[in-house]
Structures are given as structure tokens and as C-alpha cells.
Amino acid sequence: SIAVTGEGNSTTTNLQQGLCKGWVNFVGTGTVSISDSFNTASLTDVATGKFDKNYTNNMSSANYAGHVCSDAASSNDGFNRIASGTIATTKVELRHYEANSLTDTLLMVGSVDGDLA
């Protein structure tokens, strides 16, 4: 853990707190497979368009920032979200929607920022 002084020497940032604590890049169609990851123990295919990213090292609380994005499967009206009801210290659920329905998609990526346990 080191402190980094910002521009103008007016602020400092704890670098350890500013780092991404986990991410995953995976194929979300057919047999789901992780292409690359960090702090990801496994990926669970929960249902169509819903995936759990299970942490190798847990988060300290469920109050962290999660991010997800993906490639559209068949239309340009896709959107993504972190499932707020299933953010936990041990996992986060990643979802992909198209035409207001959960849909599997070829490429999904998710990351989390916060404090590890």
C-alpha cells in the first residue's frame, strides 16, 4: 500500500484502494468458459443471461462497485446490469438483457472495485 500524490500536490490516493479487485472476461453462450480473469475462482451459469462470478478472495462487504458490459447477441438494444439482490462478499451476478429479456451473449466482461476481506 502506497500513497500517490495527485496533480498539484493537493490530494493523495491510496493506490491499494484504487485498484480493481477482480475481473472476468468470458464466453456466455453454449458451454460457458472463462477467457481470462483475476480474483475469479469460478463462473456459474445460473440461467439464460445470468452468471455468478465467484471470488477467489472475498470482498469485505457487499458495498462495492460492480461493472459489467457485453457484446449484443442479436440486436442493438442490449443492456447489462449487476444484480443488486445478489451482490455478496463471495460473488456478484452479471446479467445481459436484449429486447427486455435475459439473453446469453458471446462476450461478457465484469469487474469489481472495493475492499477485499
C-alpha atoms as a PDB file:
ATOM      1  CA  SER A   1       0.000   0.000   0.000  1.00  0.00           C
ATOM      2  CA  ILE A   2       1.454   3.343  -1.059  1.00  0.00           C
ATOM      3  CA  ALA A   3       0.076   6.868  -1.202  1.00  0.00           C
ATOM      4  CA  VAL A   4       0.273   8.624  -4.566  1.00  0.00           C
ATOM      5  CA  THR A   5       0.264  12.429  -4.661  1.00  0.00           C
ATOM      6  CA  GLY A   6      -2.072  13.856  -7.286  1.00  0.00           C
ATOM      7  CA  GLU A   7      -1.549  16.712  -9.711  1.00  0.00           C
ATOM      8  CA  GLY A   8      -0.774  19.990  -7.959  1.00  0.00           C
ATOM      9  CA  ASN A   9       0.251  18.125  -4.789  1.00  0.00           C
ATOM     10  CA  SER A  10      -3.198  18.831  -3.355  1.00  0.00           C
ATOM     11  CA  THR A  11      -4.537  15.300  -2.837  1.00  0.00           C
ATOM     12  CA  THR A  12      -3.239  11.808  -2.166  1.00  0.00           C
ATOM     13  CA  THR A  13      -4.739   8.498  -3.179  1.00  0.00           C
ATOM     14  CA  ASN A  14      -4.142   5.167  -1.521  1.00  0.00           C
ATOM     15  CA  LEU A  15      -3.155   3.094  -4.537  1.00  0.00           C
ATOM     16  CA  GLN A  16      -4.293  -0.165  -2.946  1.00  0.00           C
ATOM     17  CA  GLN A  17      -7.842   1.175  -2.577  1.00  0.00           C
ATOM     18  CA  GLY A  18      -7.857   2.416  -6.170  1.00  0.00           C
ATOM     19  CA  LEU A  19      -7.104  -0.916  -7.825  1.00  0.00           C
ATOM     20  CA  CYS A  20      -9.627  -3.235  -9.460  1.00  0.00           C
ATOM     21  CA  LYS A  21     -10.153  -6.172  -7.065  1.00  0.00           C
ATOM     22  CA  GLY A  22     -11.435  -8.670  -9.605  1.00  0.00           C
ATOM     23  CA  TRP A  23     -12.477  -9.059 -13.218  1.00  0.00           C
ATOM     24  CA  VAL A  24     -13.567 -11.709 -15.693  1.00  0.00           C
ATOM     25  CA  ASN A  25     -13.791 -11.989 -19.492  1.00  0.00           C
ATOM     26  CA  PHE A  26     -15.912 -14.931 -20.619  1.00  0.00           C
ATOM     27  CA  VAL A  27     -17.917 -16.603 -23.368  1.00  0.00           C
ATOM     28  CA  GLY A  28     -21.575 -16.561 -22.290  1.00  0.00           C
ATOM     29  CA  THR A  29     -23.090 -18.903 -24.881  1.00  0.00           C
ATOM     30  CA  GLY A  30     -23.042 -22.686 -25.194  1.00  0.00           C
ATOM     31  CA  THR A  31     -20.543 -24.090 -22.733  1.00  0.00           C
ATOM     32  CA  VAL A  32     -19.662 -21.016 -20.686  1.00  0.00           C
ATOM     33  CA  SER A  33     -15.909 -20.565 -20.403  1.00  0.00           C
ATOM     34  CA  ILE A  34     -13.582 -18.016 -18.855  1.00  0.00           C
ATOM     35  CA  SER A  35     -11.185 -16.448 -21.375  1.00  0.00           C
ATOM     36  CA  ASP A  36      -9.160 -14.598 -18.735  1.00  0.00           C
ATOM     37  CA  SER A  37      -9.711 -13.349 -15.198  1.00  0.00           C
ATOM     38  CA  PHE A  38      -8.335 -12.023 -11.934  1.00  0.00           C
ATOM     39  CA  ASN A  39      -9.656 -12.970  -8.475  1.00  0.00           C
ATOM     40  CA  THR A  40     -12.212 -15.281 -10.076  1.00  0.00           C
ATOM     41  CA  ALA A  41     -12.462 -18.755  -8.563  1.00  0.00           C
ATOM     42  CA  SER A  42     -15.192 -19.882 -10.952  1.00  0.00           C
ATOM     43  CA  LEU A  43     -18.110 -18.784 -13.081  1.00  0.00           C
ATOM     44  CA  THR A  44     -21.582 -20.269 -12.606  1.00  0.00           C
ATOM     45  CA  ASP A  45     -24.136 -20.287 -15.438  1.00  0.00           C
ATOM     46  CA  VAL A  46     -27.212 -19.549 -13.286  1.00  0.00           C
ATOM     47  CA  ALA A  47     -29.777 -19.249 -16.100  1.00  0.00           C
ATOM     48  CA  THR A  48     -30.145 -17.645 -19.521  1.00  0.00           C
ATOM     49  CA  GLY A  49     -28.283 -14.333 -19.392  1.00  0.00           C
ATOM     50  CA  LYS A  50     -27.355 -14.717 -15.688  1.00  0.00           C
ATOM     51  CA  PHE A  51     -23.880 -15.625 -14.446  1.00  0.00           C
ATOM     52  CA  ASP A  52     -22.261 -15.647 -10.996  1.00  0.00           C
ATOM     53  CA  LYS A  53     -18.632 -14.528 -10.768  1.00  0.00           C
ATOM     54  CA  ASN A  54     -17.354 -16.317  -7.662  1.00  0.00           C
ATOM     55  CA  TYR A  55     -14.367 -14.688  -5.954  1.00  0.00           C
ATOM     56  CA  THR A  56     -11.083 -16.363  -5.075  1.00  0.00           C
ATOM     57  CA  ASN A  57     -10.596 -13.725  -2.329  1.00  0.00           C
ATOM     58  CA  ASN A  58     -13.864 -12.368  -0.939  1.00  0.00           C
ATOM     59  CA  MET A  59     -14.846  -8.736  -0.679  1.00  0.00           C
ATOM     60  CA  SER A  60     -15.028  -7.209   2.825  1.00  0.00           C
ATOM     61  CA  SER A  61     -18.719  -6.317   2.452  1.00  0.00           C
ATOM     62  CA  ALA A  62     -21.460  -6.218  -0.179  1.00  0.00           C
ATOM     63  CA  ASN A  63     -20.938  -2.444  -0.509  1.00  0.00           C
ATOM     64  CA  TYR A  64     -18.619  -2.318  -3.508  1.00  0.00           C
ATOM     65  CA  ALA A  65     -18.882  -1.170  -7.115  1.00  0.00           C
ATOM     66  CA  GLY A  66     -19.570  -3.730  -9.791  1.00  0.00           C
ATOM     67  CA  HIS A  67     -19.419  -3.164 -13.544  1.00  0.00           C
ATOM     68  CA  VAL A  68     -20.489  -5.326 -16.471  1.00  0.00           C
ATOM     69  CA  CYS A  69     -20.559  -4.941 -20.243  1.00  0.00           C
ATOM     70  CA  SER A  70     -21.121  -7.302 -23.123  1.00  0.00           C
ATOM     71  CA  ASP A  71     -21.466  -7.696 -26.849  1.00  0.00           C
ATOM     72  CA  ALA A  72     -25.003  -7.672 -28.264  1.00  0.00           C
ATOM     73  CA  ALA A  73     -26.179 -11.193 -29.126  1.00  0.00           C
ATOM     74  CA  SER A  74     -28.654 -10.339 -31.881  1.00  0.00           C
ATOM     75  CA  SER A  75     -29.842  -6.751 -31.554  1.00  0.00           C
ATOM     76  CA  ASN A  76     -28.518  -3.339 -30.695  1.00  0.00           C
ATOM     77  CA  ASP A  77     -30.862  -2.744 -27.767  1.00  0.00           C
ATOM     78  CA  GLY A  78     -28.876  -4.794 -25.251  1.00  0.00           C
ATOM     79  CA  PHE A  79     -28.102  -3.613 -21.759  1.00  0.00           C
ATOM     80  CA  ASN A  80     -26.347  -5.054 -18.743  1.00  0.00           C
ATOM     81  CA  ARG A  81     -26.588  -4.834 -15.017  1.00  0.00           C
ATOM     82  CA  ILE A  82     -25.137  -6.106 -11.800  1.00  0.00           C
ATOM     83  CA  ALA A  83     -27.944  -7.823  -9.949  1.00  0.00           C
ATOM     84  CA  SER A  84     -28.382  -5.722  -6.832  1.00  0.00           C
ATOM     85  CA  GLY A  85     -30.065  -8.508  -4.918  1.00  0.00           C
ATOM     86  CA  THR A  86     -27.139 -10.870  -5.374  1.00  0.00           C
ATOM     87  CA  ILE A  87     -24.125  -8.697  -4.731  1.00  0.00           C
ATOM     88  CA  ALA A  88     -22.409 -10.571  -1.915  1.00  0.00           C
ATOM     89  CA  THR A  89     -18.977 -10.799  -0.352  1.00  0.00           C
ATOM     90  CA  THR A  90     -18.421 -14.140  -2.143  1.00  0.00           C
ATOM     91  CA  LYS A  91     -19.877 -13.436  -5.617  1.00  0.00           C
ATOM     92  CA  VAL A  92     -21.591 -10.997  -7.937  1.00  0.00           C
ATOM     93  CA  GLU A  93     -24.258 -11.816 -10.526  1.00  0.00           C
ATOM     94  CA  LEU A  94     -23.740 -10.451 -14.035  1.00  0.00           C
ATOM     95  CA  ARG A  95     -26.772 -10.128 -16.341  1.00  0.00           C
ATOM     96  CA  HIS A  96     -27.282  -9.354 -20.031  1.00  0.00           C
ATOM     97  CA  TYR A  97     -30.631  -8.247 -21.484  1.00  0.00           C
ATOM     98  CA  GLU A  98     -31.820  -7.732 -25.051  1.00  0.00           C
ATOM     99  CA  ALA A  99     -35.358  -6.676 -26.002  1.00  0.00           C
ATOM    100  CA  ASN A 100     -36.076  -6.597 -22.234  1.00  0.00           C
ATOM    101  CA  SER A 101     -35.312 -10.308 -21.843  1.00  0.00           C
ATOM    102  CA  LEU A 102     -32.336 -12.096 -20.322  1.00  0.00           C
ATOM    103  CA  THR A 103     -30.178 -13.368 -23.182  1.00  0.00           C
ATOM    104  CA  ASP A 104     -26.912 -15.289 -23.418  1.00  0.00           C
ATOM    105  CA  THR A 105     -24.234 -13.437 -25.362  1.00  0.00           C
ATOM    106  CA  LEU A 106     -20.860 -14.373 -26.761  1.00  0.00           C
ATOM    107  CA  LEU A 107     -18.691 -11.865 -24.889  1.00  0.00           C
ATOM    108  CA  MET A 108     -19.197 -10.578 -21.353  1.00  0.00           C
ATOM    109  CA  VAL A 109     -16.808  -8.806 -19.027  1.00  0.00           C
ATOM    110  CA  GLY A 110     -17.293  -7.802 -15.416  1.00  0.00           C
ATOM    111  CA  SER A 111     -15.164  -6.087 -12.796  1.00  0.00           C
ATOM    112  CA  VAL A 112     -15.421  -5.009  -9.166  1.00  0.00           C
ATOM    113  CA  ASP A 113     -13.829  -2.219  -7.147  1.00  0.00           C
ATOM    114  CA  GLY A 114     -13.865  -2.091  -3.354  1.00  0.00           C
ATOM    115  CA  ASP A 115     -12.116  -3.570  -0.352  1.00  0.00           C
ATOM    116  CA  LEU A 116     -11.079  -7.188  -0.024  1.00  0.00           C
ATOM    117  CA  ALA A 117     -11.817  -9.064   3.193  1.00  0.00           C
END
